[in-house]
């Protein structure tokens, strides 16, 4: 069994380089991604295919402008990894999105099993993605 940070790092490196098959490979077969908010991308997304469809939805709606940047070091507590982030995107007819957040990952069997996302202003994020 590897350390949780190693499992998270595999996902993070794949995401940073646009290696979407690598992102999918870092996800547990039973992954659940809890996307907060009150917009059509919100809710629980299950399995690697569901998560990849969600990520594709962000890129599609933002015309490929969605970016995610680490805003500090990853922190590990047992099987959990918390990563401070900032994320941004532009979209026609909406104010640009530029926001701080924290992404929390639960690692199981050396893969990402569950994800929770927190943003600094969920109402602004909801308006952007709606």
N, C-alpha and C. Protein backbone atom coordinates (compact mmCIF):
# COMPACT_ATOMS: atom_id res chain seq x y z
N UNK A 1 0.84 -1.18 0.00
CA UNK A 1 0.00 0.00 0.00
C UNK A 1 0.89 1.24 0.00
N UNK A 2 0.63 2.15 -0.92
CA UNK A 2 1.39 3.39 -0.97
C UNK A 2 0.80 4.40 -0.01
N UNK A 3 1.50 5.48 0.18
CA UNK A 3 1.00 6.56 1.02
C UNK A 3 -0.09 7.31 0.26
N UNK A 4 -1.08 7.86 0.98
CA UNK A 4 -2.14 8.62 0.31
C UNK A 4 -1.61 9.73 -0.57
N UNK A 5 -0.52 10.38 -0.17
CA UNK A 5 0.00 11.48 -0.98
C UNK A 5 0.48 10.99 -2.34
N UNK A 6 0.99 9.76 -2.42
CA UNK A 6 1.44 9.22 -3.70
C UNK A 6 0.26 9.01 -4.64
N UNK A 7 -0.85 8.51 -4.12
CA UNK A 7 -2.04 8.31 -4.94
C UNK A 7 -2.58 9.66 -5.42
N UNK A 8 -2.61 10.64 -4.53
CA UNK A 8 -3.07 11.98 -4.92
C UNK A 8 -2.12 12.58 -5.97
N UNK A 9 -0.81 12.43 -5.77
CA UNK A 9 0.17 13.01 -6.68
C UNK A 9 0.02 12.44 -8.09
N UNK A 10 -0.28 11.16 -8.21
CA UNK A 10 -0.49 10.57 -9.54
C UNK A 10 -1.64 11.27 -10.26
N UNK A 11 -2.73 11.51 -9.54
CA UNK A 11 -3.88 12.24 -10.10
C UNK A 11 -3.48 13.66 -10.46
N UNK A 12 -2.83 14.35 -9.53
CA UNK A 12 -2.47 15.75 -9.70
C UNK A 12 -1.55 15.94 -10.91
N UNK A 13 -0.55 15.10 -11.03
CA UNK A 13 0.38 15.22 -12.15
C UNK A 13 -0.31 14.95 -13.48
N UNK A 14 -1.20 13.96 -13.51
CA UNK A 14 -1.94 13.67 -14.74
C UNK A 14 -2.83 14.84 -15.10
N UNK A 15 -3.53 15.41 -14.13
CA UNK A 15 -4.40 16.55 -14.39
C UNK A 15 -3.61 17.74 -14.88
N UNK A 16 -2.47 18.01 -14.27
CA UNK A 16 -1.66 19.18 -14.63
C UNK A 16 -1.12 19.09 -16.06
N UNK A 17 -0.92 17.90 -16.56
CA UNK A 17 -0.38 17.72 -17.91
C UNK A 17 -1.46 17.41 -18.94
N UNK A 18 -2.72 17.41 -18.52
CA UNK A 18 -3.80 17.11 -19.45
C UNK A 18 -3.90 15.65 -19.83
N UNK A 19 -3.28 14.79 -19.03
CA UNK A 19 -3.30 13.35 -19.29
C UNK A 19 -4.59 12.76 -18.71
N UNK A 20 -5.68 12.88 -19.46
CA UNK A 20 -6.97 12.45 -18.93
C UNK A 20 -7.06 10.94 -18.71
N UNK A 21 -6.44 10.09 -19.53
CA UNK A 21 -6.42 8.66 -19.18
C UNK A 21 -5.70 8.43 -17.84
N UNK A 22 -4.66 9.22 -17.56
CA UNK A 22 -3.96 9.12 -16.28
C UNK A 22 -4.84 9.56 -15.12
N UNK A 23 -5.65 10.61 -15.33
CA UNK A 23 -6.59 11.04 -14.30
C UNK A 23 -7.57 9.91 -14.01
N UNK A 24 -8.15 9.34 -15.06
CA UNK A 24 -9.11 8.25 -14.88
C UNK A 24 -8.46 7.05 -14.17
N UNK A 25 -7.21 6.77 -14.49
CA UNK A 25 -6.52 5.63 -13.87
C UNK A 25 -6.25 5.85 -12.39
N UNK A 26 -6.24 7.11 -11.94
CA UNK A 26 -6.01 7.41 -10.52
C UNK A 26 -7.28 7.29 -9.69
N UNK A 27 -8.40 7.05 -10.35
CA UNK A 27 -9.69 6.98 -9.66
C UNK A 27 -10.08 5.53 -9.39
N UNK A 28 -10.59 5.28 -8.21
CA UNK A 28 -11.11 3.98 -7.82
C UNK A 28 -12.32 3.65 -8.69
N UNK A 29 -12.56 2.39 -8.96
CA UNK A 29 -13.72 1.99 -9.77
C UNK A 29 -15.03 2.46 -9.15
N UNK A 30 -15.05 2.62 -7.82
CA UNK A 30 -16.26 3.05 -7.12
C UNK A 30 -16.14 4.49 -6.62
N UNK A 31 -15.35 5.32 -7.27
CA UNK A 31 -15.15 6.70 -6.84
C UNK A 31 -16.49 7.44 -6.80
N UNK A 32 -16.62 8.33 -5.82
CA UNK A 32 -17.75 9.24 -5.75
C UNK A 32 -17.19 10.65 -5.62
N UNK A 33 -17.54 11.50 -6.56
CA UNK A 33 -17.10 12.90 -6.59
C UNK A 33 -18.30 13.75 -6.20
N UNK A 34 -18.23 14.41 -5.06
CA UNK A 34 -19.31 15.25 -4.56
C UNK A 34 -19.10 16.67 -5.07
N UNK A 35 -19.83 17.04 -6.11
CA UNK A 35 -19.72 18.39 -6.68
C UNK A 35 -20.78 19.27 -6.01
N UNK A 36 -20.35 20.26 -5.23
CA UNK A 36 -21.31 21.07 -4.49
C UNK A 36 -22.06 22.04 -5.39
N UNK A 37 -23.06 22.65 -4.83
CA UNK A 37 -23.74 23.73 -5.51
C UNK A 37 -25.14 23.40 -5.96
N UNK A 38 -25.69 24.37 -6.68
CA UNK A 38 -27.05 24.28 -7.19
C UNK A 38 -27.03 24.64 -8.68
N UNK A 39 -26.30 23.87 -9.45
CA UNK A 39 -26.25 24.05 -10.90
C UNK A 39 -26.27 22.66 -11.52
N UNK A 40 -26.39 22.59 -12.84
CA UNK A 40 -26.61 21.29 -13.48
C UNK A 40 -25.41 20.35 -13.40
N UNK A 41 -24.23 20.83 -13.04
CA UNK A 41 -23.08 19.94 -12.85
C UNK A 41 -22.94 19.49 -11.40
N UNK A 42 -23.76 20.04 -10.51
CA UNK A 42 -23.71 19.67 -9.09
C UNK A 42 -24.23 18.25 -8.87
N UNK A 43 -23.86 17.69 -7.73
CA UNK A 43 -24.35 16.38 -7.36
C UNK A 43 -23.23 15.38 -7.24
N UNK A 44 -23.60 14.14 -6.99
CA UNK A 44 -22.63 13.06 -6.86
C UNK A 44 -22.41 12.42 -8.22
N UNK A 45 -21.15 12.33 -8.59
CA UNK A 45 -20.75 11.72 -9.86
C UNK A 45 -20.00 10.45 -9.51
N UNK A 46 -20.44 9.33 -10.06
CA UNK A 46 -19.95 8.02 -9.65
C UNK A 46 -19.16 7.33 -10.76
N UNK A 47 -18.10 6.67 -10.33
CA UNK A 47 -17.26 5.91 -11.24
C UNK A 47 -16.37 6.83 -12.06
N UNK A 48 -15.28 6.28 -12.57
CA UNK A 48 -14.38 7.09 -13.39
C UNK A 48 -15.08 7.74 -14.58
N UNK A 49 -16.01 7.04 -15.22
CA UNK A 49 -16.70 7.62 -16.38
C UNK A 49 -17.53 8.83 -15.96
N UNK A 50 -18.19 8.75 -14.82
CA UNK A 50 -18.98 9.87 -14.33
C UNK A 50 -18.12 11.07 -13.98
N UNK A 51 -16.98 10.82 -13.36
CA UNK A 51 -16.07 11.91 -13.00
C UNK A 51 -15.48 12.54 -14.25
N UNK A 52 -15.09 11.72 -15.20
CA UNK A 52 -14.51 12.26 -16.43
C UNK A 52 -15.54 13.08 -17.20
N UNK A 53 -16.80 12.65 -17.19
CA UNK A 53 -17.86 13.43 -17.85
C UNK A 53 -18.03 14.77 -17.15
N UNK A 54 -17.95 14.79 -15.82
CA UNK A 54 -18.05 16.05 -15.08
C UNK A 54 -16.91 16.99 -15.46
N UNK A 55 -15.69 16.50 -15.43
CA UNK A 55 -14.54 17.33 -15.79
C UNK A 55 -14.66 17.85 -17.22
N UNK A 56 -15.13 17.00 -18.11
CA UNK A 56 -15.37 17.42 -19.48
C UNK A 56 -16.45 18.50 -19.57
N UNK A 57 -17.44 18.41 -18.69
CA UNK A 57 -18.50 19.42 -18.65
C UNK A 57 -17.96 20.79 -18.28
N UNK A 58 -17.03 20.84 -17.32
CA UNK A 58 -16.42 22.11 -16.96
C UNK A 58 -15.64 22.70 -18.14
N UNK A 59 -14.90 21.85 -18.84
CA UNK A 59 -14.13 22.34 -19.97
C UNK A 59 -15.05 22.78 -21.11
N UNK A 60 -16.11 22.02 -21.35
CA UNK A 60 -17.03 22.37 -22.42
C UNK A 60 -17.72 23.71 -22.14
N UNK A 61 -18.25 23.87 -20.94
CA UNK A 61 -18.97 25.11 -20.61
C UNK A 61 -18.06 26.33 -20.60
N UNK A 62 -16.80 26.13 -20.27
CA UNK A 62 -15.87 27.27 -20.20
C UNK A 62 -15.11 27.46 -21.51
N UNK A 63 -15.46 26.72 -22.53
CA UNK A 63 -14.73 26.84 -23.79
C UNK A 63 -13.26 26.48 -23.64
N UNK A 64 -12.96 25.57 -22.72
CA UNK A 64 -11.59 25.13 -22.51
C UNK A 64 -10.75 26.06 -21.65
N UNK A 65 -11.38 27.05 -21.00
CA UNK A 65 -10.62 28.03 -20.22
C UNK A 65 -10.48 27.66 -18.75
N UNK A 66 -11.18 26.63 -18.29
CA UNK A 66 -11.11 26.27 -16.86
C UNK A 66 -9.70 25.88 -16.47
N UNK A 67 -9.18 26.50 -15.41
CA UNK A 67 -7.86 26.15 -14.89
C UNK A 67 -7.96 25.92 -13.39
N UNK A 68 -7.13 25.05 -12.91
CA UNK A 68 -7.03 24.73 -11.48
C UNK A 68 -5.56 24.83 -11.10
N UNK A 69 -5.28 25.62 -10.07
CA UNK A 69 -3.91 25.84 -9.64
C UNK A 69 -3.79 25.52 -8.16
N UNK A 70 -2.72 24.83 -7.78
CA UNK A 70 -2.48 24.59 -6.36
C UNK A 70 -2.15 25.91 -5.69
N UNK A 71 -2.76 26.16 -4.52
CA UNK A 71 -2.57 27.41 -3.80
C UNK A 71 -1.80 27.20 -2.50
N UNK A 72 -1.16 26.08 -2.37
CA UNK A 72 -0.38 25.73 -1.18
C UNK A 72 -0.08 24.26 -1.21
N UNK A 73 0.64 23.78 -0.22
CA UNK A 73 1.00 22.36 -0.21
C UNK A 73 -0.20 21.47 0.13
N UNK A 74 -0.17 20.26 -0.41
CA UNK A 74 -1.16 19.26 -0.03
C UNK A 74 -0.91 18.86 1.42
N UNK A 75 -2.00 18.57 2.13
CA UNK A 75 -1.91 18.18 3.53
C UNK A 75 -2.55 16.81 3.71
N UNK A 76 -1.90 15.95 4.46
CA UNK A 76 -2.37 14.57 4.63
C UNK A 76 -2.78 14.35 6.07
N UNK A 77 -3.91 13.69 6.25
CA UNK A 77 -4.38 13.26 7.56
C UNK A 77 -4.98 11.88 7.38
N UNK A 78 -4.20 10.85 7.73
CA UNK A 78 -4.67 9.48 7.53
C UNK A 78 -4.85 9.21 6.05
N UNK A 79 -6.05 8.78 5.68
CA UNK A 79 -6.33 8.47 4.27
C UNK A 79 -6.86 9.66 3.49
N UNK A 80 -6.85 10.84 4.10
CA UNK A 80 -7.37 12.05 3.46
C UNK A 80 -6.24 12.98 3.03
N UNK A 81 -6.42 13.60 1.86
CA UNK A 81 -5.50 14.61 1.36
C UNK A 81 -6.33 15.86 1.07
N UNK A 82 -5.92 16.99 1.63
CA UNK A 82 -6.58 18.27 1.36
C UNK A 82 -5.63 19.14 0.56
N UNK A 83 -6.14 19.72 -0.51
CA UNK A 83 -5.32 20.56 -1.39
C UNK A 83 -5.97 21.94 -1.55
N UNK A 84 -5.33 22.99 -1.00
CA UNK A 84 -5.82 24.34 -1.29
C UNK A 84 -5.62 24.63 -2.78
N UNK A 85 -6.64 25.22 -3.40
CA UNK A 85 -6.59 25.48 -4.83
C UNK A 85 -7.13 26.88 -5.14
N UNK A 86 -6.85 27.32 -6.33
CA UNK A 86 -7.59 28.43 -6.92
C UNK A 86 -8.02 27.94 -8.29
N UNK A 87 -9.19 28.39 -8.71
CA UNK A 87 -9.68 27.97 -10.01
C UNK A 87 -10.30 29.15 -10.72
N UNK A 88 -10.22 29.11 -12.04
CA UNK A 88 -10.67 30.22 -12.85
C UNK A 88 -11.22 29.70 -14.17
N UNK A 89 -12.11 30.50 -14.74
CA UNK A 89 -12.66 30.18 -16.06
C UNK A 89 -13.37 31.42 -16.59
N UNK A 90 -13.56 31.43 -17.89
CA UNK A 90 -14.38 32.47 -18.50
C UNK A 90 -15.49 31.78 -19.29
N UNK A 91 -16.57 32.53 -19.45
CA UNK A 91 -17.73 31.99 -20.16
C UNK A 91 -18.55 33.14 -20.70
N UNK A 92 -18.94 33.05 -21.95
CA UNK A 92 -19.74 34.12 -22.55
C UNK A 92 -20.99 34.38 -21.72
N UNK A 93 -21.26 35.66 -21.48
CA UNK A 93 -22.47 36.06 -20.76
C UNK A 93 -22.36 35.98 -19.26
N UNK A 94 -21.17 35.66 -18.72
CA UNK A 94 -20.98 35.53 -17.28
C UNK A 94 -19.75 36.31 -16.85
N UNK A 95 -19.76 36.76 -15.63
CA UNK A 95 -18.55 37.36 -15.04
C UNK A 95 -17.48 36.29 -14.97
N UNK A 96 -16.22 36.63 -15.20
CA UNK A 96 -15.15 35.62 -15.08
C UNK A 96 -15.15 35.01 -13.67
N UNK A 97 -14.82 33.76 -13.62
CA UNK A 97 -14.72 33.03 -12.36
C UNK A 97 -13.27 33.00 -11.93
N UNK A 98 -12.99 33.39 -10.70
CA UNK A 98 -11.64 33.36 -10.14
C UNK A 98 -11.81 33.22 -8.65
N UNK A 99 -11.56 32.04 -8.12
CA UNK A 99 -11.98 31.74 -6.76
C UNK A 99 -11.01 30.79 -6.06
N UNK A 100 -10.97 30.91 -4.76
CA UNK A 100 -10.20 29.99 -3.91
C UNK A 100 -11.08 28.82 -3.49
N UNK A 101 -10.42 27.72 -3.19
CA UNK A 101 -11.15 26.55 -2.72
C UNK A 101 -10.23 25.56 -2.05
N UNK A 102 -10.83 24.48 -1.60
CA UNK A 102 -10.09 23.36 -1.04
C UNK A 102 -10.71 22.09 -1.61
N UNK A 103 -9.88 21.21 -2.11
CA UNK A 103 -10.31 19.91 -2.60
C UNK A 103 -9.83 18.86 -1.61
N UNK A 104 -10.73 17.96 -1.21
CA UNK A 104 -10.41 16.92 -0.24
C UNK A 104 -10.62 15.56 -0.91
N UNK A 105 -9.61 14.72 -0.81
CA UNK A 105 -9.62 13.40 -1.43
C UNK A 105 -9.50 12.32 -0.37
N UNK A 106 -10.32 11.28 -0.48
CA UNK A 106 -10.16 10.11 0.38
C UNK A 106 -9.56 9.01 -0.47
N UNK A 107 -8.45 8.48 0.02
CA UNK A 107 -7.70 7.46 -0.71
C UNK A 107 -8.02 6.08 -0.14
N UNK A 108 -8.28 5.14 -1.03
CA UNK A 108 -8.52 3.75 -0.63
C UNK A 108 -7.94 2.85 -1.71
N UNK A 109 -7.27 1.79 -1.31
CA UNK A 109 -6.65 0.86 -2.26
C UNK A 109 -5.72 1.59 -3.24
N UNK A 110 -5.01 2.61 -2.74
CA UNK A 110 -4.04 3.38 -3.53
C UNK A 110 -4.68 4.17 -4.67
N UNK A 111 -5.97 4.43 -4.58
CA UNK A 111 -6.69 5.19 -5.60
C UNK A 111 -7.61 6.20 -4.91
N UNK A 112 -8.04 7.19 -5.66
CA UNK A 112 -8.98 8.18 -5.12
C UNK A 112 -10.37 7.57 -5.09
N UNK A 113 -10.91 7.46 -3.88
CA UNK A 113 -12.21 6.81 -3.69
C UNK A 113 -13.34 7.82 -3.53
N UNK A 114 -13.02 9.00 -2.98
CA UNK A 114 -14.07 9.99 -2.75
C UNK A 114 -13.45 11.38 -2.79
N UNK A 115 -14.22 12.35 -3.31
CA UNK A 115 -13.74 13.72 -3.45
C UNK A 115 -14.84 14.68 -2.99
N UNK A 116 -14.43 15.67 -2.19
CA UNK A 116 -15.31 16.77 -1.78
C UNK A 116 -14.62 18.07 -2.18
N UNK A 117 -15.39 19.01 -2.72
CA UNK A 117 -14.85 20.29 -3.14
C UNK A 117 -15.52 21.41 -2.35
N UNK A 118 -14.73 22.42 -2.02
CA UNK A 118 -15.23 23.58 -1.30
C UNK A 118 -14.74 24.81 -2.04
N UNK A 119 -15.65 25.76 -2.27
CA UNK A 119 -15.25 27.01 -2.90
C UNK A 119 -15.55 28.16 -1.95
N UNK A 120 -14.85 29.27 -2.15
CA UNK A 120 -14.99 30.39 -1.23
C UNK A 120 -16.30 31.14 -1.40
N UNK A 121 -16.99 30.96 -2.53
CA UNK A 121 -18.28 31.62 -2.73
C UNK A 121 -19.14 30.75 -3.64
N UNK A 122 -19.87 29.82 -3.03
CA UNK A 122 -20.64 28.86 -3.81
C UNK A 122 -21.71 29.55 -4.67
N UNK A 123 -22.31 30.63 -4.19
CA UNK A 123 -23.34 31.32 -4.97
C UNK A 123 -22.77 31.88 -6.27
N UNK A 124 -21.57 32.46 -6.20
CA UNK A 124 -20.93 32.99 -7.40
C UNK A 124 -20.59 31.83 -8.36
N UNK A 125 -20.09 30.75 -7.81
CA UNK A 125 -19.76 29.61 -8.65
C UNK A 125 -21.03 29.04 -9.30
N UNK A 126 -22.11 28.94 -8.53
CA UNK A 126 -23.38 28.44 -9.10
C UNK A 126 -23.84 29.32 -10.26
N UNK A 127 -23.75 30.64 -10.08
CA UNK A 127 -24.19 31.55 -11.15
C UNK A 127 -23.34 31.37 -12.40
N UNK A 128 -22.04 31.13 -12.22
CA UNK A 128 -21.16 30.97 -13.36
C UNK A 128 -21.51 29.70 -14.16
N UNK A 129 -21.73 28.58 -13.47
CA UNK A 129 -21.95 27.31 -14.17
C UNK A 129 -23.40 27.14 -14.62
N UNK A 130 -24.31 27.96 -14.12
CA UNK A 130 -25.73 27.82 -14.48
C UNK A 130 -26.00 28.38 -15.86
